[in-house]
Each structure stands twice: as structure tokens, then as C-alpha cells.
Amino acid sequence: MEYRLLGRSGLKISTVTMGTMTFGGVGWAKATGSQDVAEASRLVDMCLDAGVNLIDTADVYSSGASEEIIGEVLGGKRKSGVMLATKARFRMGDGPNDVGSSRQHLIEACEASLRRMKTDVIDLYQLHEWDGQTPVEETMEALDTLLRQGKVRYIGCSNFSGWHIMKALGVSKEHNYQRFVSQQIHYTLEARDAEYELLPVSIDQGLGVLVWSPLAAGLLSGKHRRNQATPEGTRQFAGWPEPPIRDENRLWNIVDVLVSVAESRGVSAAQVALAWLIGRRAVTSVVIGGRTEAQFRDNLAAAELTLTAEERKRLDDVSVPPLLYPYWHQRNTASDRLSEADLELLAPHLNP
């Protein structure tokens, strides 16, 4: 297992993070899985034995049950080197202040997460989504308070746009608050939208990148193929709505190449899809999940798979995103003065 620095922090995390949305199976999260304490304990041990040092969850997963199960599994005692990441922002009650990124909600949510996970500190506390109704100054001040109180060690965001991130970083700099060290985003071979803004801002601003649903809810596992029925036991079979598929023919073209590369290497298509992400320079870690031990075991093996330059080119070519404005204009008129952040998107579109 490789360990990478999380953004500009001195914290090193494994290139594979354990995701726990499948713990609990309450409400909407039941479509992803429903592992109890015993099952979760076996999965946690498997991941830790493989070298994973970060477990990711959120208060909204199974209405807090995921965090509670983590607390039971770890028994109120941190195993050596294990770190916990969680998130807050979504609704956790019926009251008018039981949602959002206000100081009121974030501090209550953090303290509730600490109780559920039976821990004194959260290693990475992440805003789960943008809140356009709360002043960013209030949100960042609340996070800074939690940091200074020792309840959290690092902060990050998830599902923000590029301008949301820059606004938050600007507020942190202006008021001398602690800044985000990372963002958690959706990014796959099929959905490379993050290359327009989110990966460039990570490179430019020194943010780590954690990737959620790196197999697109199983669409890139190799189990889903062109003109075949959706297999049982997958999120798509259960009606999971994410990610949206805008071009089905493109998806199957990507899967065809994934399967071809996988067969030539004697590995699963899922491992190839994960290895492609891990090999992207802006990516720090991929958050894996699964309904079964076999899925976790297969995903963990991706940490040891290195794709060749030719294999990466095949995958890049079949999935490269089109240039939207202003990027096609920058390619045509600004290619002589591009930064490393610019090239994250534009490099494949420039003449050699």
C-alpha cells in the first residue's frame, strides 16, 4: 500500500480509503448495502490488514447507524494508525436548524458524530455539500473553532464547485482560519467532469483529492456490459440514481476497453478502473465500498496494480472529456502560457 500526503498537510493516507455507506442499511442507504456490526468488523479488519489507514463515513449514512457501527467495531479504542473521516451538512432531524453548514448545525453534528463513533477526535471533518444559504464566513469560523477545540484535526469539503472552494479558501486566508486540506469528489473514467475545475484547483491550491464511488456505483466493475441485463446485487439493480449516464454508448465503449485491459492483465475490470484513478497525479485516495467481502478484497488489490503507459492511453483516449468554453478557446489561444493546473485538462488536447 502506498501512502500519500493529503494536500499541503503533513498527514499521509493510504491510496485506498475504506468507505462505509453500506454499514447499517437504514432508509435510502439500504440500496447500497446493510452490513451489521459483525460483517463490518470483518471488513474493517480486512482493510486494515491490507494497509488502509483511513475509514470514511458520514452522519447521514443510515441516519447515523454507519457511525455507530464504526464505534462498535473499534470499541471506543483506536487501533494503531487508524484514522476516521466523516461529513456533515445534510438533514439529521426535523428541526429548522438540523441541516446545513451553520455554526449551530456543524457544532451539534460534530459532537453527535464523536458520540456515535465513541472517539474524542475526528481526523478529517468534511462539509458534505455546499450550503448557499449560510455565509461562508460563519461556516469556516465554525470549522476553525472545532479545530482549535481539538475535536477535529483536519477539514475538507465534498461536492463543491471550483468557485465554492476558492471562496472558502479566500475566507480562511482573510480571517486566518484553518483551510481545507482536501476535497472528496465523484470522478471516474466515465465521469471526468472534475477535470474542468476541481482537479486544476486541487493542483493549484494544494488540496488532496479523495474519490467517492470510483466504480460509478458498479457500472465500471465489468459486471455491466452492453446489451446485457443489469445483474442482481448491484446498486444499479437496486435503483441507485447516481451517477447519471448521459451517453450510454460512450459508457459501453469505456467498459469494453476496461474489460480488454483487464483480461490481458488477468485482473478484474474494477481493479483497472481503480488503478487508473490512483495513477492520476491529482488523486490522493479512492474510497472503496462493497456489499461483500469479495468485492472489498478485489478492490483492495487495485492498490498493487500499475498500468502501463499504453494501457493508460487506451483508457484516456476512449474517455477523454470534450473541451467546453472557455477551455477550447484557451487551447487555441493560450497554449504558450499554461500552468500545471491548466494542463491537467488541456494537455491531451494539445498538439504533440
Protein backbone atom coordinates (compact mmCIF):
# COMPACT_ATOMS: atom_id res chain seq x y z
CA MET A 1 0.00 0.00 0.00
CA GLU A 2 1.28 3.44 -0.93
CA TYR A 3 0.72 6.45 1.35
CA ARG A 4 0.41 9.99 0.03
CA LEU A 5 0.37 13.39 1.69
CA LEU A 6 -3.14 14.81 1.97
CA GLY A 7 -2.88 18.15 0.22
CA ARG A 8 -0.50 20.60 1.87
CA SER A 9 -0.82 18.86 5.23
CA GLY A 10 1.77 16.54 6.73
CA LEU A 11 -0.81 13.75 7.01
CA LYS A 12 -0.23 10.63 4.94
CA ILE A 13 -3.18 8.47 3.93
CA SER A 14 -3.39 5.21 2.01
CA THR A 15 -4.21 5.32 -1.69
CA VAL A 16 -7.28 3.26 -0.82
CA THR A 17 -9.75 4.52 1.79
CA MET A 18 -12.45 2.33 3.29
CA GLY A 19 -15.96 3.62 2.58
CA THR A 20 -18.79 2.66 4.93
CA MET A 21 -22.04 3.80 3.31
CA THR A 22 -23.03 0.11 3.25
CA PHE A 23 -22.96 -0.08 7.06
CA GLY A 24 -26.41 -0.11 8.64
CA GLY A 25 -28.80 -0.28 5.72
CA VAL A 26 -31.30 2.26 7.07
CA GLY A 27 -33.60 4.30 4.82
CA TRP A 28 -32.25 5.34 1.43
CA ALA A 29 -28.82 3.83 2.24
CA LYS A 30 -30.34 0.33 2.18
CA ALA A 31 -29.94 0.35 -1.60
CA THR A 32 -26.15 0.37 -1.12
CA GLY A 33 -25.92 -2.40 1.49
CA SER A 34 -26.89 -3.35 5.03
CA GLN A 35 -23.87 -4.71 6.89
CA ASP A 36 -24.24 -5.22 10.63
CA VAL A 37 -21.52 -4.95 13.29
CA ALA A 38 -20.18 -8.47 12.75
CA GLU A 39 -19.93 -8.06 8.97
CA ALA A 40 -18.47 -4.58 9.30
CA SER A 41 -15.85 -5.83 11.75
CA ARG A 42 -14.63 -8.45 9.29
CA LEU A 43 -14.43 -5.85 6.50
CA VAL A 44 -12.59 -3.34 8.67
CA ASP A 45 -10.03 -5.96 9.69
CA MET A 46 -9.54 -6.93 6.05
CA CYS A 47 -8.91 -3.33 5.01
CA LEU A 48 -6.56 -2.60 7.90
CA ASP A 49 -4.60 -5.78 7.19
CA ALA A 50 -4.17 -4.55 3.59
CA GLY A 51 -2.67 -1.28 4.85
CA VAL A 52 -5.70 1.03 4.67
CA ASN A 53 -5.35 3.72 7.35
CA LEU A 54 -8.45 5.88 6.73
CA ILE A 55 -12.11 4.93 7.26
CA ASP A 56 -14.64 7.32 5.71
CA THR A 57 -18.26 7.76 6.71
CA ALA A 58 -20.91 10.49 7.13
CA ASP A 59 -23.54 11.29 9.72
CA VAL A 60 -26.28 10.95 7.11
CA TYR A 61 -25.33 7.36 6.18
CA SER A 62 -28.18 5.25 7.55
CA SER A 63 -29.20 8.16 9.80
CA GLY A 64 -26.09 7.79 11.94
CA ALA A 65 -26.04 3.97 12.02
CA SER A 66 -22.86 3.81 9.93
CA GLU A 67 -21.02 5.93 12.51
CA GLU A 68 -22.49 3.87 15.35
CA ILE A 69 -21.30 0.64 13.78
CA ILE A 70 -17.80 2.09 13.38
CA GLY A 71 -17.89 2.99 17.06
CA GLU A 72 -18.86 -0.57 17.96
CA VAL A 73 -16.25 -2.11 15.66
CA LEU A 74 -13.43 -0.01 17.05
CA GLY A 75 -14.80 -0.48 20.55
CA GLY A 76 -14.12 3.06 21.61
CA LYS A 77 -10.42 2.46 21.14
CA ARG A 78 -8.46 3.48 18.09
CA LYS A 79 -6.40 0.73 16.57
CA SER A 80 -2.85 1.87 15.90
CA GLY A 81 -2.67 4.21 12.91
CA VAL A 82 -6.39 4.11 12.07
CA MET A 83 -7.95 7.47 11.19
CA LEU A 84 -11.59 8.43 10.89
CA ALA A 85 -13.18 10.78 8.37
CA THR A 86 -16.81 11.84 8.47
CA LYS A 87 -19.04 14.51 6.95
CA ALA A 88 -21.87 16.83 7.92
CA ARG A 89 -24.32 19.19 6.24
CA PHE A 90 -27.37 17.07 5.30
CA ARG A 91 -30.55 16.88 7.35
CA MET A 92 -30.29 14.89 10.58
CA GLY A 93 -33.59 15.85 12.25
CA ASP A 94 -36.93 17.57 11.77
CA GLY A 95 -35.96 20.94 13.20
CA PRO A 96 -35.23 24.02 11.09
CA ASN A 97 -31.57 24.00 12.18
CA ASP A 98 -30.96 20.26 11.76
CA VAL A 99 -29.47 20.79 8.31
CA GLY A 100 -26.89 22.98 6.60
CA SER A 101 -23.47 24.42 7.39
CA SER A 102 -24.43 26.93 10.06
CA ARG A 103 -22.35 27.19 13.21
CA GLN A 104 -25.33 25.77 15.13
CA HIS A 105 -25.68 22.67 12.98
CA LEU A 106 -21.99 21.92 12.39
CA ILE A 107 -21.03 22.02 16.07
CA GLU A 108 -24.03 19.89 17.07
CA ALA A 109 -23.36 17.48 14.20
CA CYS A 110 -19.68 17.13 15.09
CA GLU A 111 -20.42 16.40 18.74
CA ALA A 112 -23.06 13.83 17.72
CA SER A 113 -20.60 12.11 15.37
CA LEU A 114 -18.00 11.96 18.13
CA ARG A 115 -20.53 10.26 20.43
CA ARG A 116 -21.67 7.77 17.80
CA MET A 117 -18.12 6.77 16.86
CA LYS A 118 -17.02 6.65 20.52
CA THR A 119 -14.00 8.80 19.84
CA ASP A 120 -12.53 12.06 21.14
CA VAL A 121 -11.41 13.39 17.76
CA ILE A 122 -12.30 13.18 14.07
CA ASP A 123 -9.21 13.14 11.88
CA LEU A 124 -10.85 14.59 8.76
CA TYR A 125 -14.12 16.51 9.07
CA GLN A 126 -15.72 17.31 5.72
CA LEU A 127 -18.55 19.55 4.57
CA HIS A 128 -20.70 17.05 2.69
CA GLU A 129 -22.22 19.57 0.27
CA TRP A 130 -22.38 23.30 -0.42
CA ASP A 131 -24.81 25.41 1.61
CA GLY A 132 -25.67 28.56 -0.31
CA GLN A 133 -27.83 29.99 2.49
CA THR A 134 -25.16 30.15 5.21
CA PRO A 135 -22.41 32.78 4.97
CA VAL A 136 -19.11 31.09 4.19
CA GLU A 137 -17.51 33.16 6.94
CA GLU A 138 -19.81 31.52 9.51
CA THR A 139 -19.09 28.03 8.22
CA MET A 140 -15.32 28.41 8.13
CA GLU A 141 -15.27 30.06 11.57
CA ALA A 142 -17.26 27.13 13.00
CA LEU A 143 -14.83 24.61 11.47
CA ASP A 144 -11.89 26.61 12.77
CA THR A 145 -13.45 26.55 16.26
CA LEU A 146 -13.77 22.75 16.12
CA LEU A 147 -10.13 22.50 15.06
CA ARG A 148 -8.91 24.74 17.86
CA GLN A 149 -11.00 22.81 20.38
CA GLY A 150 -9.26 19.63 19.30
CA LYS A 151 -12.47 17.92 18.17
CA VAL A 152 -11.22 17.64 14.60
CA ARG A 153 -7.70 17.59 13.19
CA TYR A 154 -8.18 18.48 9.52
CA ILE A 155 -11.06 19.83 7.45
CA GLY A 156 -12.18 19.26 3.89
CA CYS A 157 -15.16 19.68 1.59
CA SER A 158 -17.14 17.47 -0.75
CA ASN A 159 -19.24 18.13 -3.83
CA PHE A 160 -18.25 21.80 -4.04
CA SER A 161 -17.74 23.64 -7.33
CA GLY A 162 -14.46 25.33 -8.13
CA TRP A 163 -15.71 28.78 -7.16
CA HIS A 164 -17.19 27.44 -3.91
CA ILE A 165 -13.76 26.09 -2.95
CA MET A 166 -11.94 29.30 -3.85
CA LYS A 167 -14.45 31.38 -1.88
CA ALA A 168 -13.94 29.20 1.21
CA LEU A 169 -10.16 29.28 0.86
CA GLY A 170 -10.27 33.05 0.46
CA VAL A 171 -12.27 33.43 3.68
CA SER A 172 -9.80 31.19 5.52
CA LYS A 173 -6.89 33.30 4.35
CA GLU A 174 -8.61 36.62 5.14
CA HIS A 175 -9.51 35.62 8.71
CA ASN A 176 -6.54 33.36 9.43
CA TYR A 177 -8.78 30.30 9.78
CA GLN A 178 -7.50 26.80 9.10
CA ARG A 179 -8.04 25.90 5.45
CA PHE A 180 -9.37 22.84 3.68
CA VAL A 181 -6.71 20.19 3.11
CA SER A 182 -8.85 18.09 0.77
CA GLN A 183 -11.98 17.66 -1.25
CA GLN A 184 -13.96 14.47 -1.79
CA ILE A 185 -15.42 14.25 -5.29
CA HIS A 186 -17.04 11.94 -7.80
CA TYR A 187 -14.52 11.11 -10.51
CA THR A 188 -14.34 8.07 -12.77
CA LEU A 189 -13.33 7.06 -16.26
CA GLU A 190 -16.96 7.55 -17.26
CA ALA A 191 -17.44 10.86 -15.41
CA ARG A 192 -14.36 13.03 -15.88
CA ASP A 193 -16.16 16.33 -15.24
CA ALA A 194 -13.81 17.05 -12.32
CA GLU A 195 -11.02 17.73 -14.81
CA TYR A 196 -12.65 21.02 -15.84
CA GLU A 197 -12.32 22.77 -12.47
CA LEU A 198 -11.92 20.52 -9.43
CA LEU A 199 -8.64 18.79 -10.26
CA PRO A 200 -6.99 22.01 -11.52
CA VAL A 201 -8.00 23.85 -8.35
CA SER A 202 -6.62 20.98 -6.27
CA ILE A 203 -3.27 21.18 -8.04
CA ASP A 204 -3.15 24.98 -7.86
CA GLN A 205 -4.28 25.27 -4.23
CA GLY A 206 -2.65 22.14 -2.82
CA LEU A 207 -5.75 20.14 -1.95
CA GLY A 208 -5.80 16.40 -1.58
CA VAL A 209 -8.43 14.53 -3.59
CA LEU A 210 -10.49 11.61 -2.30
CA VAL A 211 -12.75 9.96 -4.87
CA TRP A 212 -16.18 8.67 -3.90
CA SER A 213 -17.95 5.94 -5.91
CA PRO A 214 -14.84 5.38 -8.06
CA LEU A 215 -16.58 2.50 -9.87
CA ALA A 216 -19.66 4.59 -10.68
CA ALA A 217 -21.91 2.51 -8.40
CA GLY A 218 -20.60 -0.65 -10.04
CA LEU A 219 -21.02 0.43 -13.67
CA LEU A 220 -17.25 0.10 -14.20
CA SER A 221 -16.90 -3.21 -12.36
CA GLY A 222 -17.14 -5.27 -15.55
CA LYS A 223 -20.42 -6.84 -14.42
CA HIS A 224 -22.43 -4.41 -16.55
CA ARG A 225 -21.99 -4.93 -20.30
CA ARG A 226 -23.54 -3.65 -23.49
CA ASN A 227 -26.95 -5.18 -24.29
CA GLN A 228 -26.99 -7.27 -21.10
CA ALA A 229 -29.47 -7.22 -18.25
CA THR A 230 -28.37 -5.44 -15.08
CA PRO A 231 -27.03 -8.09 -12.66
CA GLU A 232 -28.65 -8.57 -9.28
CA GLY A 233 -26.76 -7.48 -6.18
CA THR A 234 -25.60 -4.18 -7.67
CA ARG A 235 -26.61 -0.61 -6.85
CA GLN A 236 -27.94 -0.10 -10.37
CA PHE A 237 -30.20 -3.16 -9.93
CA ALA A 238 -31.44 -1.66 -6.66
CA GLY A 239 -32.39 1.57 -8.43
CA TRP A 240 -29.49 3.72 -7.22
CA PRO A 241 -29.73 7.01 -9.20
CA GLU A 242 -26.06 8.04 -9.24
CA PRO A 243 -24.15 8.69 -11.38
CA PRO A 244 -26.34 9.95 -14.24
CA ILE A 245 -25.41 8.37 -17.57
CA ARG A 246 -25.59 10.99 -20.32
CA ASP A 247 -24.16 8.90 -23.16
CA GLU A 248 -24.79 5.18 -22.81
CA ASN A 249 -22.84 4.25 -25.95
CA ARG A 250 -19.78 6.08 -24.58
CA LEU A 251 -20.14 4.21 -21.27
CA TRP A 252 -20.09 0.83 -23.02
CA ASN A 253 -17.11 1.86 -25.17
CA ILE A 254 -15.23 2.63 -21.95
CA VAL A 255 -16.30 -0.66 -20.37
CA ASP A 256 -15.15 -2.55 -23.48
CA VAL A 257 -11.65 -1.12 -23.14
CA LEU A 258 -11.64 -1.71 -19.38
CA VAL A 259 -12.52 -5.36 -19.85
CA SER A 260 -9.95 -5.75 -22.64
CA VAL A 261 -7.15 -4.33 -20.47
CA ALA A 262 -8.30 -6.40 -17.50
CA GLU A 263 -8.35 -9.64 -19.45
CA SER A 264 -4.86 -9.01 -20.83
CA ARG A 265 -3.56 -8.47 -17.28
CA GLY A 266 -5.53 -11.27 -15.63
CA VAL A 267 -7.29 -8.91 -13.22
CA SER A 268 -10.82 -7.55 -12.83
CA ALA A 269 -12.15 -4.55 -14.72
CA ALA A 270 -12.81 -2.92 -11.33
CA GLN A 271 -9.12 -3.12 -10.46
CA VAL A 272 -8.18 -1.47 -13.75
CA ALA A 273 -10.69 1.36 -13.23
CA LEU A 274 -9.38 1.98 -9.71
CA ALA A 275 -5.73 1.75 -10.79
CA TRP A 276 -6.40 4.37 -13.49
CA LEU A 277 -7.68 6.75 -10.81
CA ILE A 278 -4.86 6.03 -8.36
CA GLY A 279 -2.42 6.80 -11.15
CA ARG A 280 -3.85 10.27 -11.74
CA ARG A 281 -1.43 12.73 -10.19
CA ALA A 282 -4.09 14.88 -8.51
CA VAL A 283 -5.76 11.90 -6.80
CA THR A 284 -4.73 11.07 -3.24
CA SER A 285 -7.03 8.14 -2.45
CA VAL A 286 -10.04 6.25 -3.79
CA VAL A 287 -12.87 5.43 -1.40
CA ILE A 288 -13.93 1.83 -1.93
CA GLY A 289 -17.08 0.13 -0.71
CA GLY A 290 -18.92 -3.09 -1.35
CA ARG A 291 -21.72 -5.42 -0.40
CA THR A 292 -19.45 -8.43 0.06
CA GLU A 293 -16.01 -9.37 1.32
CA ALA A 294 -15.13 -10.50 -2.22
CA GLN A 295 -15.82 -7.02 -3.59
CA PHE A 296 -13.67 -5.37 -0.92
CA ARG A 297 -10.87 -7.88 -1.47
CA ASP A 298 -10.92 -7.32 -5.22
CA ASN A 299 -10.94 -3.53 -4.85
CA LEU A 300 -8.06 -3.60 -2.37
CA ALA A 301 -5.91 -5.42 -4.93
CA ALA A 302 -6.02 -2.32 -7.15
CA ALA A 303 -3.53 -0.65 -4.82
CA GLU A 304 -0.87 -3.02 -6.15
CA LEU A 305 -1.74 -2.66 -9.85
CA THR A 306 0.26 -0.26 -12.01
CA LEU A 307 -0.97 0.31 -15.55
CA THR A 308 1.43 0.71 -18.42
CA ALA A 309 1.61 3.95 -20.40
CA GLU A 310 -0.05 2.19 -23.36
CA GLU A 311 -2.90 0.90 -21.19
CA ARG A 312 -3.46 4.33 -19.68
CA LYS A 313 -3.51 5.89 -23.16
CA ARG A 314 -6.18 3.46 -24.33
CA LEU A 315 -8.33 4.32 -21.33
CA ASP A 316 -7.65 8.05 -21.68
CA ASP A 317 -8.49 8.11 -25.38
CA VAL A 318 -11.84 6.35 -25.02
CA SER A 319 -12.96 8.55 -22.11
CA VAL A 320 -11.41 11.99 -22.69
CA PRO A 321 -13.95 14.76 -21.97
CA PRO A 322 -14.77 17.35 -24.64
CA LEU A 323 -13.49 20.88 -24.17
CA LEU A 324 -16.21 23.27 -23.03
CA TYR A 325 -15.86 27.05 -23.22
CA PRO A 326 -13.57 28.74 -22.19
CA TYR A 327 -11.23 25.73 -22.39
CA TRP A 328 -11.35 25.26 -26.16
CA HIS A 329 -10.55 28.95 -26.51
CA GLN A 330 -7.64 28.64 -24.07
CA ARG A 331 -6.33 25.68 -26.04
CA ASN A 332 -6.43 27.71 -29.25
CA THR A 333 -5.02 30.98 -27.93
CA ALA A 334 -3.23 30.44 -24.60
CA SER A 335 -1.28 27.20 -25.07
CA ASP A 336 2.02 29.11 -24.82
CA ARG A 337 1.32 30.17 -21.22
CA LEU A 338 -0.45 27.32 -19.45
CA SER A 339 0.23 26.27 -15.86
CA GLU A 340 0.47 22.74 -14.49
CA ALA A 341 -3.08 23.14 -13.23
CA ASP A 342 -4.29 24.16 -16.71
CA LEU A 343 -2.58 21.18 -18.29
CA GLU A 344 -4.50 18.72 -16.11
CA LEU A 345 -7.40 19.25 -18.52
CA LEU A 346 -5.79 20.67 -21.63
CA ALA A 347 -2.69 18.51 -22.12
CA PRO A 348 -4.47 15.69 -24.04
CA HIS A 349 -5.95 18.27 -26.41
CA LEU A 350 -2.68 19.97 -27.39
CA ASN A 351 -0.72 19.02 -30.46
CA PRO A 352 2.39 16.95 -29.58
